[in-house]
């Protein structure tokens, strides 16, 4: 998972004022399309599970029940991040969360989103 962690980083060092863990993603640094086109969906699926398990274990370690998902969409590229080949990744990410860790994310927040 270390090579994925370098290419698809997320920060788990942040905390809210009440101590809940925060997972911070920087979307512009994630090239999901590259792996999906290369046929690495299963690897990305396992990485999704790794992320969710990391956050779940962190909440247990900190004696918390919820965590916050913060996504920085600055630099979002429609072609690179939302192509048809990428949709299974987002589906896997969501299904993994809903099936295995439901109601553990207190908030899901996107900042620096696209201007409409």
N, C-alpha and C. Protein backbone atom coordinates (compact mmCIF):
# COMPACT_ATOMS: atom_id res chain seq x y z
N UNK A 1 0.80 -1.20 0.00
CA UNK A 1 0.00 0.00 0.00
C UNK A 1 0.85 1.27 0.00
N UNK A 2 2.13 1.14 0.34
CA UNK A 2 2.97 2.33 0.42
C UNK A 2 3.09 3.05 -0.92
N UNK A 3 3.21 2.31 -2.03
CA UNK A 3 3.31 2.97 -3.32
C UNK A 3 2.01 3.69 -3.65
N UNK A 4 0.88 3.14 -3.25
CA UNK A 4 -0.40 3.83 -3.45
C UNK A 4 -0.50 5.04 -2.54
N UNK A 5 -0.01 4.91 -1.34
CA UNK A 5 -0.07 6.03 -0.39
C UNK A 5 0.74 7.23 -0.90
N UNK A 6 1.83 6.97 -1.63
CA UNK A 6 2.61 8.06 -2.22
C UNK A 6 1.85 8.72 -3.37
N UNK A 7 1.21 7.92 -4.22
CA UNK A 7 0.50 8.44 -5.39
C UNK A 7 -0.90 8.94 -5.07
N UNK A 8 -1.50 8.44 -4.00
CA UNK A 8 -2.86 8.81 -3.62
C UNK A 8 -2.87 9.16 -2.13
N UNK A 9 -2.21 10.27 -1.79
CA UNK A 9 -2.04 10.60 -0.37
C UNK A 9 -3.33 11.10 0.29
N UNK A 10 -3.41 10.83 1.55
CA UNK A 10 -4.42 11.45 2.41
C UNK A 10 -3.79 11.73 3.76
N UNK A 11 -4.22 12.78 4.37
CA UNK A 11 -3.66 13.23 5.65
C UNK A 11 -4.60 12.80 6.76
N UNK A 12 -4.08 12.16 7.77
CA UNK A 12 -4.89 11.73 8.91
C UNK A 12 -4.44 12.38 10.22
N UNK A 13 -3.61 13.40 10.12
CA UNK A 13 -3.05 14.03 11.32
C UNK A 13 -3.94 15.12 11.92
N UNK A 14 -4.96 15.55 11.18
CA UNK A 14 -5.82 16.64 11.66
C UNK A 14 -6.83 16.14 12.68
N UNK A 15 -7.23 17.02 13.58
CA UNK A 15 -8.27 16.72 14.57
C UNK A 15 -9.22 17.92 14.66
N UNK A 16 -10.47 17.65 15.01
CA UNK A 16 -11.41 18.73 15.26
C UNK A 16 -11.16 19.27 16.66
N UNK A 17 -11.85 20.33 17.03
CA UNK A 17 -11.67 20.90 18.37
C UNK A 17 -12.08 19.93 19.47
N UNK A 18 -12.97 18.99 19.16
CA UNK A 18 -13.36 18.01 20.18
C UNK A 18 -12.57 16.70 20.09
N UNK A 19 -11.57 16.66 19.18
CA UNK A 19 -10.67 15.51 19.11
C UNK A 19 -10.99 14.47 18.05
N UNK A 20 -12.06 14.65 17.29
CA UNK A 20 -12.41 13.69 16.24
C UNK A 20 -11.38 13.74 15.12
N UNK A 21 -11.02 12.58 14.55
CA UNK A 21 -10.06 12.57 13.45
C UNK A 21 -10.65 13.14 12.16
N UNK A 22 -9.78 13.73 11.36
CA UNK A 22 -10.17 14.30 10.07
C UNK A 22 -9.29 13.66 9.00
N UNK A 23 -9.92 13.15 7.93
CA UNK A 23 -9.19 12.63 6.78
C UNK A 23 -9.23 13.70 5.70
N UNK A 24 -8.07 14.12 5.25
CA UNK A 24 -7.99 15.19 4.26
C UNK A 24 -7.40 14.65 2.96
N UNK A 25 -8.15 14.83 1.86
CA UNK A 25 -7.71 14.42 0.53
C UNK A 25 -7.43 15.65 -0.31
N UNK A 26 -6.45 15.55 -1.18
CA UNK A 26 -6.17 16.60 -2.16
C UNK A 26 -6.41 15.99 -3.53
N UNK A 27 -7.60 16.22 -4.08
CA UNK A 27 -8.03 15.56 -5.31
C UNK A 27 -7.07 15.79 -6.47
N UNK A 28 -6.49 16.96 -6.58
CA UNK A 28 -5.62 17.26 -7.72
C UNK A 28 -4.40 16.33 -7.77
N UNK A 29 -4.04 15.73 -6.66
CA UNK A 29 -2.88 14.83 -6.61
C UNK A 29 -3.24 13.38 -6.93
N UNK A 30 -4.53 13.10 -7.09
CA UNK A 30 -5.00 11.75 -7.37
C UNK A 30 -5.27 11.58 -8.86
N UNK A 31 -4.55 10.71 -9.55
CA UNK A 31 -4.81 10.42 -10.96
C UNK A 31 -5.51 9.06 -11.03
N UNK A 32 -6.77 9.06 -10.72
CA UNK A 32 -7.56 7.82 -10.69
C UNK A 32 -7.66 7.21 -12.07
N UNK A 33 -7.82 8.05 -13.07
CA UNK A 33 -7.99 7.59 -14.45
C UNK A 33 -6.83 6.69 -14.89
N UNK A 34 -5.63 7.06 -14.52
CA UNK A 34 -4.43 6.30 -14.90
C UNK A 34 -4.53 4.83 -14.46
N UNK A 35 -4.89 4.59 -13.22
CA UNK A 35 -4.99 3.21 -12.73
C UNK A 35 -6.21 2.49 -13.26
N UNK A 36 -7.30 3.19 -13.42
CA UNK A 36 -8.51 2.54 -13.92
C UNK A 36 -8.33 2.09 -15.36
N UNK A 37 -7.71 2.92 -16.18
CA UNK A 37 -7.46 2.56 -17.58
C UNK A 37 -6.42 1.43 -17.66
N UNK A 38 -5.49 1.39 -16.72
CA UNK A 38 -4.47 0.33 -16.70
C UNK A 38 -5.01 -0.99 -16.14
N UNK A 39 -6.30 -1.02 -15.80
CA UNK A 39 -6.90 -2.26 -15.31
C UNK A 39 -6.59 -2.57 -13.85
N UNK A 40 -6.31 -1.55 -13.06
CA UNK A 40 -5.95 -1.76 -11.66
C UNK A 40 -7.11 -1.44 -10.72
N UNK A 41 -8.31 -1.75 -11.14
CA UNK A 41 -9.49 -1.46 -10.32
C UNK A 41 -9.42 -2.20 -8.98
N UNK A 42 -9.04 -3.47 -9.00
CA UNK A 42 -9.00 -4.25 -7.75
C UNK A 42 -8.00 -3.66 -6.76
N UNK A 43 -6.88 -3.18 -7.26
CA UNK A 43 -5.89 -2.55 -6.38
C UNK A 43 -6.48 -1.29 -5.76
N UNK A 44 -7.17 -0.49 -6.57
CA UNK A 44 -7.79 0.73 -6.06
C UNK A 44 -8.92 0.40 -5.08
N UNK A 45 -9.62 -0.69 -5.35
CA UNK A 45 -10.69 -1.13 -4.44
C UNK A 45 -10.10 -1.48 -3.07
N UNK A 46 -8.99 -2.19 -3.08
CA UNK A 46 -8.32 -2.52 -1.81
C UNK A 46 -7.81 -1.27 -1.11
N UNK A 47 -7.36 -0.30 -1.89
CA UNK A 47 -6.90 0.96 -1.30
C UNK A 47 -8.05 1.69 -0.63
N UNK A 48 -9.23 1.64 -1.22
CA UNK A 48 -10.42 2.24 -0.60
C UNK A 48 -10.67 1.59 0.75
N UNK A 49 -10.60 0.26 0.78
CA UNK A 49 -10.81 -0.47 2.03
C UNK A 49 -9.73 -0.10 3.04
N UNK A 50 -8.49 0.04 2.58
CA UNK A 50 -7.38 0.45 3.45
C UNK A 50 -7.66 1.81 4.07
N UNK A 51 -8.11 2.76 3.25
CA UNK A 51 -8.43 4.09 3.77
C UNK A 51 -9.51 4.02 4.84
N UNK A 52 -10.61 3.35 4.54
CA UNK A 52 -11.72 3.28 5.50
C UNK A 52 -11.29 2.59 6.79
N UNK A 53 -10.52 1.52 6.66
CA UNK A 53 -10.06 0.81 7.85
C UNK A 53 -9.11 1.67 8.67
N UNK A 54 -8.25 2.44 8.00
CA UNK A 54 -7.35 3.37 8.69
C UNK A 54 -8.15 4.35 9.53
N UNK A 55 -9.17 4.93 8.94
CA UNK A 55 -9.97 5.91 9.67
C UNK A 55 -10.77 5.25 10.80
N UNK A 56 -11.29 4.05 10.55
CA UNK A 56 -12.04 3.34 11.58
C UNK A 56 -11.14 3.02 12.77
N UNK A 57 -9.95 2.50 12.50
CA UNK A 57 -9.01 2.17 13.57
C UNK A 57 -8.58 3.42 14.34
N UNK A 58 -8.44 4.53 13.62
CA UNK A 58 -8.06 5.78 14.26
C UNK A 58 -9.15 6.25 15.22
N UNK A 59 -10.41 6.12 14.83
CA UNK A 59 -11.50 6.54 15.72
C UNK A 59 -11.51 5.67 16.97
N UNK A 60 -11.26 4.38 16.81
CA UNK A 60 -11.20 3.49 17.98
C UNK A 60 -10.05 3.86 18.90
N UNK A 61 -8.89 4.10 18.30
CA UNK A 61 -7.68 4.45 19.07
C UNK A 61 -7.88 5.74 19.87
N UNK A 62 -8.58 6.69 19.28
CA UNK A 62 -8.83 7.97 19.94
C UNK A 62 -10.09 7.95 20.80
N UNK A 63 -10.72 6.78 20.90
CA UNK A 63 -11.95 6.62 21.67
C UNK A 63 -13.05 7.56 21.16
N UNK A 64 -13.12 7.68 19.84
CA UNK A 64 -14.14 8.49 19.19
C UNK A 64 -15.11 7.56 18.46
N UNK A 65 -16.21 8.11 18.01
CA UNK A 65 -17.18 7.31 17.26
C UNK A 65 -17.36 7.80 15.83
N UNK A 66 -16.90 9.01 15.54
CA UNK A 66 -17.09 9.60 14.22
C UNK A 66 -15.80 10.24 13.73
N UNK A 67 -15.68 10.38 12.43
CA UNK A 67 -14.57 11.09 11.82
C UNK A 67 -15.12 12.00 10.73
N UNK A 68 -14.28 12.90 10.23
CA UNK A 68 -14.71 13.86 9.22
C UNK A 68 -13.89 13.65 7.96
N UNK A 69 -14.57 13.66 6.84
CA UNK A 69 -13.95 13.50 5.53
C UNK A 69 -13.90 14.86 4.85
N UNK A 70 -12.71 15.38 4.64
CA UNK A 70 -12.52 16.70 4.05
C UNK A 70 -11.78 16.54 2.72
N UNK A 71 -12.44 16.94 1.64
CA UNK A 71 -11.87 16.80 0.31
C UNK A 71 -11.59 18.17 -0.27
N UNK A 72 -10.32 18.43 -0.59
CA UNK A 72 -9.93 19.68 -1.22
C UNK A 72 -9.96 19.46 -2.73
N UNK A 73 -10.95 20.05 -3.40
CA UNK A 73 -11.15 19.85 -4.84
C UNK A 73 -10.42 20.88 -5.69
N UNK A 74 -9.52 21.63 -5.08
CA UNK A 74 -8.73 22.60 -5.85
C UNK A 74 -7.90 21.84 -6.87
N UNK A 75 -7.98 22.23 -8.13
CA UNK A 75 -7.24 21.55 -9.19
C UNK A 75 -7.97 20.36 -9.77
N UNK A 76 -9.24 20.19 -9.42
CA UNK A 76 -10.03 19.09 -9.98
C UNK A 76 -10.05 19.20 -11.49
N UNK A 77 -9.73 18.12 -12.15
CA UNK A 77 -9.71 18.07 -13.61
C UNK A 77 -10.81 17.11 -14.04
N UNK A 78 -11.79 17.63 -14.77
CA UNK A 78 -12.94 16.82 -15.16
C UNK A 78 -12.51 15.58 -15.94
N UNK A 79 -11.58 15.73 -16.86
CA UNK A 79 -11.12 14.59 -17.68
C UNK A 79 -10.39 13.55 -16.84
N UNK A 80 -9.55 14.01 -15.93
CA UNK A 80 -8.71 13.12 -15.14
C UNK A 80 -9.46 12.49 -13.96
N UNK A 81 -10.42 13.17 -13.39
CA UNK A 81 -11.04 12.70 -12.16
C UNK A 81 -12.47 12.20 -12.31
N UNK A 82 -13.16 12.57 -13.39
CA UNK A 82 -14.57 12.18 -13.49
C UNK A 82 -14.90 11.48 -14.81
N UNK A 83 -13.94 10.84 -15.42
CA UNK A 83 -14.19 10.12 -16.68
C UNK A 83 -15.02 8.87 -16.40
N UNK A 84 -15.58 8.28 -17.45
CA UNK A 84 -16.40 7.08 -17.28
C UNK A 84 -15.62 5.92 -16.66
N UNK A 85 -14.34 5.82 -17.00
CA UNK A 85 -13.52 4.74 -16.43
C UNK A 85 -13.33 4.90 -14.93
N UNK A 86 -13.49 6.14 -14.42
CA UNK A 86 -13.28 6.42 -13.00
C UNK A 86 -14.52 6.11 -12.15
N UNK A 87 -15.67 6.04 -12.76
CA UNK A 87 -16.90 5.85 -11.98
C UNK A 87 -16.87 4.61 -11.08
N UNK A 88 -16.34 3.47 -11.55
CA UNK A 88 -16.27 2.31 -10.64
C UNK A 88 -15.48 2.60 -9.36
N UNK A 89 -14.45 3.43 -9.45
CA UNK A 89 -13.67 3.77 -8.26
C UNK A 89 -14.55 4.47 -7.24
N UNK A 90 -15.30 5.46 -7.68
CA UNK A 90 -16.17 6.21 -6.76
C UNK A 90 -17.27 5.31 -6.20
N UNK A 91 -17.76 4.41 -7.03
CA UNK A 91 -18.77 3.46 -6.56
C UNK A 91 -18.17 2.52 -5.51
N UNK A 92 -16.98 1.99 -5.78
CA UNK A 92 -16.30 1.11 -4.82
C UNK A 92 -16.05 1.84 -3.50
N UNK A 93 -15.60 3.08 -3.59
CA UNK A 93 -15.30 3.87 -2.41
C UNK A 93 -16.56 4.02 -1.55
N UNK A 94 -17.66 4.35 -2.19
CA UNK A 94 -18.92 4.57 -1.49
C UNK A 94 -19.50 3.27 -0.94
N UNK A 95 -19.48 2.22 -1.74
CA UNK A 95 -20.03 0.93 -1.31
C UNK A 95 -19.23 0.36 -0.15
N UNK A 96 -17.90 0.47 -0.19
CA UNK A 96 -17.07 -0.01 0.91
C UNK A 96 -17.44 0.70 2.21
N UNK A 97 -17.62 2.00 2.11
CA UNK A 97 -18.01 2.78 3.30
C UNK A 97 -19.39 2.35 3.79
N UNK A 98 -20.37 2.30 2.91
CA UNK A 98 -21.74 2.00 3.31
C UNK A 98 -21.91 0.58 3.86
N UNK A 99 -21.20 -0.38 3.29
CA UNK A 99 -21.33 -1.78 3.74
C UNK A 99 -20.59 -2.06 5.04
N UNK A 100 -19.40 -1.48 5.18
CA UNK A 100 -18.53 -1.86 6.28
C UNK A 100 -18.39 -0.84 7.40
N UNK A 101 -18.60 0.43 7.09
CA UNK A 101 -18.38 1.48 8.09
C UNK A 101 -19.52 2.51 8.08
N UNK A 102 -20.76 2.06 8.05
CA UNK A 102 -21.87 3.03 7.93
C UNK A 102 -21.94 3.97 9.14
N UNK A 103 -22.27 5.21 8.86
CA UNK A 103 -22.48 6.22 9.89
C UNK A 103 -21.25 6.54 10.72
N UNK A 104 -20.06 6.26 10.20
CA UNK A 104 -18.86 6.61 10.95
C UNK A 104 -18.32 7.98 10.56
N UNK A 105 -18.66 8.46 9.36
CA UNK A 105 -18.25 9.81 8.95
C UNK A 105 -19.32 10.80 9.40
N UNK A 106 -18.93 11.68 10.28
CA UNK A 106 -19.88 12.66 10.79
C UNK A 106 -20.23 13.69 9.73
N UNK A 107 -19.21 14.14 8.99
CA UNK A 107 -19.41 15.11 7.92
C UNK A 107 -18.55 14.73 6.73
N UNK A 108 -19.06 14.98 5.54
CA UNK A 108 -18.30 14.84 4.31
C UNK A 108 -18.30 16.21 3.67
N UNK A 109 -17.14 16.86 3.62
CA UNK A 109 -17.04 18.24 3.22
C UNK A 109 -16.12 18.38 2.02
N UNK A 110 -16.57 19.16 1.02
CA UNK A 110 -15.73 19.48 -0.13
C UNK A 110 -15.44 20.96 -0.10
N UNK A 111 -14.17 21.32 -0.21
CA UNK A 111 -13.80 22.74 -0.27
C UNK A 111 -13.12 23.01 -1.61
N UNK A 112 -13.08 24.27 -2.00
CA UNK A 112 -12.47 24.69 -3.26
C UNK A 112 -13.04 23.94 -4.45
N UNK A 113 -14.34 23.72 -4.45
CA UNK A 113 -15.00 23.03 -5.54
C UNK A 113 -15.02 23.84 -6.82
N UNK A 114 -15.47 23.22 -7.89
CA UNK A 114 -15.55 23.90 -9.18
C UNK A 114 -16.53 25.05 -9.13
N UNK A 115 -16.19 26.10 -9.82
CA UNK A 115 -17.11 27.25 -9.93
C UNK A 115 -18.14 26.93 -10.98
N UNK A 116 -19.38 27.26 -10.69
CA UNK A 116 -20.43 26.99 -11.67
C UNK A 116 -20.89 28.27 -12.34
